[in-house]
Amino acid sequence: MRAAGVEIDDHGQPGPMHVYPPIPTPEGRAARAVIVDRLRDALTPGPIRQAEP
């Protein structure tokens, strides 16, 4: 993904399974919160820029 210019964050943790975000544990809840925040930031429209003359 990086080679394609996509910004990524790796939030691996020692111990939890690789699919821990959907599991109802403190680590899963924290991971889901990060995912939701990143999606919200990516999908929230920013200020509208005026076309340059």
Protein backbone atom coordinates (compact mmCIF):
# COMPACT_ATOMS: atom_id res chain seq x y z
CA MET A 1 0.00 0.00 0.00
CA ARG A 2 2.80 2.39 0.81
CA ALA A 3 4.27 1.81 -2.65
CA ALA A 4 0.93 2.96 -4.07
CA GLY A 5 1.09 6.15 -1.99
CA VAL A 6 -1.50 5.06 0.58
CA GLU A 7 -0.79 6.20 4.14
CA ILE A 8 -1.11 3.36 6.65
CA ASP A 9 -0.79 2.93 10.40
CA ASP A 10 0.24 -0.44 11.83
CA HIS A 11 -1.18 -0.98 15.29
CA GLY A 12 -0.09 -4.56 15.96
CA GLN A 13 0.17 -5.57 19.59
CA PRO A 14 2.06 -8.49 21.11
CA GLY A 15 -0.32 -11.14 22.38
CA PRO A 16 -3.75 -10.45 20.86
CA MET A 17 -4.96 -12.40 17.87
CA HIS A 18 -4.51 -10.65 14.52
CA VAL A 19 -8.30 -10.10 14.37
CA TYR A 20 -8.70 -8.64 17.86
CA PRO A 21 -10.64 -5.44 16.95
CA PRO A 22 -14.05 -7.19 16.72
CA ILE A 23 -13.50 -9.16 19.94
CA PRO A 24 -15.25 -7.68 23.03
CA THR A 25 -12.10 -7.03 25.07
CA PRO A 26 -10.46 -3.80 26.21
CA GLU A 27 -7.89 -4.17 23.39
CA GLY A 28 -10.64 -4.80 20.85
CA ARG A 29 -12.62 -1.75 21.97
CA ALA A 30 -9.51 0.46 21.79
CA ALA A 31 -8.70 -0.85 18.31
CA ARG A 32 -12.28 -0.25 17.10
CA ALA A 33 -12.12 3.30 18.42
CA VAL A 34 -8.96 3.92 16.36
CA ILE A 35 -10.58 2.42 13.26
CA VAL A 36 -13.73 4.52 13.67
CA ASP A 37 -11.72 7.71 14.24
CA ARG A 38 -9.58 7.11 11.14
CA LEU A 39 -12.65 6.37 9.00
CA ARG A 40 -14.48 9.41 10.34
CA ASP A 41 -11.50 11.64 9.57
CA ALA A 42 -11.14 10.18 6.07
CA LEU A 43 -14.84 10.46 5.22
CA THR A 44 -15.58 13.86 6.75
CA PRO A 45 -15.51 16.50 4.03
CA GLY A 46 -12.95 19.20 4.55
CA PRO A 47 -13.35 22.86 3.76
CA ILE A 48 -14.35 23.59 0.19
CA ARG A 49 -11.49 25.13 -1.75
CA GLN A 50 -12.19 27.83 -4.27
CA ALA A 51 -11.00 27.19 -7.80
CA GLU A 52 -7.91 29.17 -8.66
CA PRO A 53 -8.47 31.92 -11.25
